[in-house]
Amino acid sequence: MSSSSNFIYLASQSPRRRQLLEQLGVRHELLLPGPEEDAEALEAVLPGEAPEAYVARVTQAKLDAALLRRAARGLPEAPVLCSDTTVAVDQQILGKPLD
């Protein structure tokens, strides 16, 4: 972590990721998409995309969006934690459950 910041941004709506950071004692601030952003569109699976390629692409897209969001909101610079999780069986991405 940069010496100029004493927190990180968490660009994730996952309650589990927030809980893990809290358990580790990592100070964090949420950097979530606003209503003007189509965050779900970033997670569209491309035809024939392997799970590993999908997760790498989506995580990078989420990070790029979070960095733009931070700059547009005029927030101070700090590291951004961004990730993606997917479930796959035999290289078939199952996607998010409906409930």
C-alpha atoms as a PDB file:
ATOM      1  CA  MET A   1       0.000   0.000   0.000  1.00  0.00           C
ATOM      2  CA  SER A   2       1.188   3.483  -0.783  1.00  0.00           C
ATOM      3  CA  SER A   3       2.532   5.462   2.129  1.00  0.00           C
ATOM      4  CA  SER A   4       0.183   8.329   1.173  1.00  0.00           C
ATOM      5  CA  SER A   5      -2.968   6.290   1.875  1.00  0.00           C
ATOM      6  CA  ASN A   6      -4.026   4.415   4.959  1.00  0.00           C
ATOM      7  CA  PHE A   7      -6.992   2.652   3.355  1.00  0.00           C
ATOM      8  CA  ILE A   8      -7.983   0.866   0.184  1.00  0.00           C
ATOM      9  CA  TYR A   9     -11.036   1.143  -2.008  1.00  0.00           C
ATOM     10  CA  LEU A  10     -13.154  -1.957  -2.341  1.00  0.00           C
ATOM     11  CA  ALA A  11     -14.851  -2.029  -5.738  1.00  0.00           C
ATOM     12  CA  SER A  12     -17.152  -4.904  -4.843  1.00  0.00           C
ATOM     13  CA  GLN A  13     -20.687  -5.288  -3.557  1.00  0.00           C
ATOM     14  CA  SER A  14     -19.772  -8.609  -1.930  1.00  0.00           C
ATOM     15  CA  PRO A  15     -20.557  -8.616   1.795  1.00  0.00           C
ATOM     16  CA  ARG A  16     -18.061 -11.475   2.172  1.00  0.00           C
ATOM     17  CA  ARG A  17     -15.187  -9.404   0.775  1.00  0.00           C
ATOM     18  CA  ARG A  18     -16.050  -6.567   3.178  1.00  0.00           C
ATOM     19  CA  GLN A  19     -16.162  -9.051   6.049  1.00  0.00           C
ATOM     20  CA  LEU A  20     -12.754 -10.489   5.130  1.00  0.00           C
ATOM     21  CA  LEU A  21     -11.169  -7.028   5.040  1.00  0.00           C
ATOM     22  CA  GLU A  22     -12.713  -6.211   8.417  1.00  0.00           C
ATOM     23  CA  GLN A  23     -11.402  -9.471   9.897  1.00  0.00           C
ATOM     24  CA  LEU A  24      -7.938  -8.610   8.587  1.00  0.00           C
ATOM     25  CA  GLY A  25      -8.172  -5.093  10.030  1.00  0.00           C
ATOM     26  CA  VAL A  26      -7.838  -3.447   6.617  1.00  0.00           C
ATOM     27  CA  ARG A  27      -9.462  -0.016   6.509  1.00  0.00           C
ATOM     28  CA  HIS A  28     -11.503   0.294   3.348  1.00  0.00           C
ATOM     29  CA  GLU A  29     -14.038   2.485   1.626  1.00  0.00           C
ATOM     30  CA  LEU A  30     -16.547   1.225  -0.904  1.00  0.00           C
ATOM     31  CA  LEU A  31     -16.154   2.397  -4.486  1.00  0.00           C
ATOM     32  CA  LEU A  32     -19.359   1.083  -6.026  1.00  0.00           C
ATOM     33  CA  PRO A  33     -20.988   1.830  -9.375  1.00  0.00           C
ATOM     34  CA  GLY A  34     -23.538   4.595  -9.506  1.00  0.00           C
ATOM     35  CA  PRO A  35     -27.001   4.225 -11.056  1.00  0.00           C
ATOM     36  CA  GLU A  36     -25.650   5.638 -14.326  1.00  0.00           C
ATOM     37  CA  GLU A  37     -23.313   2.649 -14.765  1.00  0.00           C
ATOM     38  CA  ASP A  38     -24.337  -0.689 -16.268  1.00  0.00           C
ATOM     39  CA  ALA A  39     -22.151  -2.834 -14.017  1.00  0.00           C
ATOM     40  CA  GLU A  40     -23.907  -6.048 -15.085  1.00  0.00           C
ATOM     41  CA  ALA A  41     -22.896  -5.475 -18.718  1.00  0.00           C
ATOM     42  CA  LEU A  42     -19.237  -5.899 -17.707  1.00  0.00           C
ATOM     43  CA  GLU A  43     -20.012  -9.480 -16.692  1.00  0.00           C
ATOM     44  CA  ALA A  44     -21.429 -10.669 -20.020  1.00  0.00           C
ATOM     45  CA  VAL A  45     -19.781 -13.925 -21.101  1.00  0.00           C
ATOM     46  CA  LEU A  46     -18.256 -13.874 -24.593  1.00  0.00           C
ATOM     47  CA  PRO A  47     -18.969 -16.844 -26.888  1.00  0.00           C
ATOM     48  CA  GLY A  48     -16.479 -19.662 -26.294  1.00  0.00           C
ATOM     49  CA  GLU A  49     -14.764 -17.799 -23.442  1.00  0.00           C
ATOM     50  CA  ALA A  50     -12.863 -20.006 -20.991  1.00  0.00           C
ATOM     51  CA  PRO A  51     -13.563 -19.401 -17.279  1.00  0.00           C
ATOM     52  CA  GLU A  52     -10.005 -18.222 -16.554  1.00  0.00           C
ATOM     53  CA  ALA A  53     -10.078 -15.752 -19.455  1.00  0.00           C
ATOM     54  CA  TYR A  54     -13.529 -14.560 -18.415  1.00  0.00           C
ATOM     55  CA  VAL A  55     -12.505 -13.835 -14.817  1.00  0.00           C
ATOM     56  CA  ALA A  56      -9.324 -12.035 -15.917  1.00  0.00           C
ATOM     57  CA  ARG A  57     -11.198  -9.901 -18.462  1.00  0.00           C
ATOM     58  CA  VAL A  58     -14.083  -9.032 -16.131  1.00  0.00           C
ATOM     59  CA  THR A  59     -11.777  -8.193 -13.228  1.00  0.00           C
ATOM     60  CA  GLN A  60      -9.745  -5.852 -15.447  1.00  0.00           C
ATOM     61  CA  ALA A  61     -12.936  -4.218 -16.770  1.00  0.00           C
ATOM     62  CA  LYS A  62     -14.211  -3.724 -13.208  1.00  0.00           C
ATOM     63  CA  LEU A  63     -10.883  -2.208 -12.166  1.00  0.00           C
ATOM     64  CA  ASP A  64     -10.837   0.157 -15.155  1.00  0.00           C
ATOM     65  CA  ALA A  65     -14.404   1.261 -14.324  1.00  0.00           C
ATOM     66  CA  ALA A  66     -13.527   1.733 -10.641  1.00  0.00           C
ATOM     67  CA  LEU A  67     -10.497   3.885 -11.465  1.00  0.00           C
ATOM     68  CA  LEU A  68     -12.599   6.069 -13.774  1.00  0.00           C
ATOM     69  CA  ARG A  69     -15.265   6.283 -11.061  1.00  0.00           C
ATOM     70  CA  ARG A  70     -12.708   7.356  -8.454  1.00  0.00           C
ATOM     71  CA  ALA A  71     -11.341  10.066 -10.726  1.00  0.00           C
ATOM     72  CA  ALA A  72     -14.818  11.290 -11.780  1.00  0.00           C
ATOM     73  CA  ARG A  73     -15.856  11.572  -8.136  1.00  0.00           C
ATOM     74  CA  GLY A  74     -12.680  13.478  -7.253  1.00  0.00           C
ATOM     75  CA  LEU A  75     -11.726  10.965  -4.575  1.00  0.00           C
ATOM     76  CA  PRO A  76      -8.161  10.712  -3.261  1.00  0.00           C
ATOM     77  CA  GLU A  77      -5.864   8.133  -4.758  1.00  0.00           C
ATOM     78  CA  ALA A  78      -5.536   4.824  -2.915  1.00  0.00           C
ATOM     79  CA  PRO A  79      -5.147   1.188  -3.946  1.00  0.00           C
ATOM     80  CA  VAL A  80      -8.282  -0.411  -5.402  1.00  0.00           C
ATOM     81  CA  LEU A  81      -9.231  -4.006  -4.614  1.00  0.00           C
ATOM     82  CA  CYS A  82     -11.239  -5.504  -7.425  1.00  0.00           C
ATOM     83  CA  SER A  83     -12.036  -9.139  -8.144  1.00  0.00           C
ATOM     84  CA  ASP A  84     -14.495 -11.491  -9.754  1.00  0.00           C
ATOM     85  CA  THR A  85     -15.683 -14.969  -8.927  1.00  0.00           C
ATOM     86  CA  THR A  86     -17.404 -17.387 -11.246  1.00  0.00           C
ATOM     87  CA  VAL A  87     -18.581 -20.969 -11.095  1.00  0.00           C
ATOM     88  CA  ALA A  88     -17.779 -23.294 -13.975  1.00  0.00           C
ATOM     89  CA  VAL A  89     -18.178 -26.980 -14.687  1.00  0.00           C
ATOM     90  CA  ASP A  90     -16.083 -28.578 -17.443  1.00  0.00           C
ATOM     91  CA  GLN A  91     -15.119 -25.122 -18.808  1.00  0.00           C
ATOM     92  CA  GLN A  92     -18.818 -24.104 -18.930  1.00  0.00           C
ATOM     93  CA  ILE A  93     -19.478 -20.847 -17.059  1.00  0.00           C
ATOM     94  CA  LEU A  94     -22.680 -21.249 -15.072  1.00  0.00           C
ATOM     95  CA  GLY A  95     -23.276 -17.582 -14.291  1.00  0.00           C
ATOM     96  CA  LYS A  96     -24.944 -16.018 -11.282  1.00  0.00           C
ATOM     97  CA  PRO A  97     -27.816 -17.874  -9.638  1.00  0.00           C
ATOM     98  CA  LEU A  98     -31.235 -16.291  -9.994  1.00  0.00           C
ATOM     99  CA  ASP A  99     -31.860 -16.541  -6.241  1.00  0.00           C
END
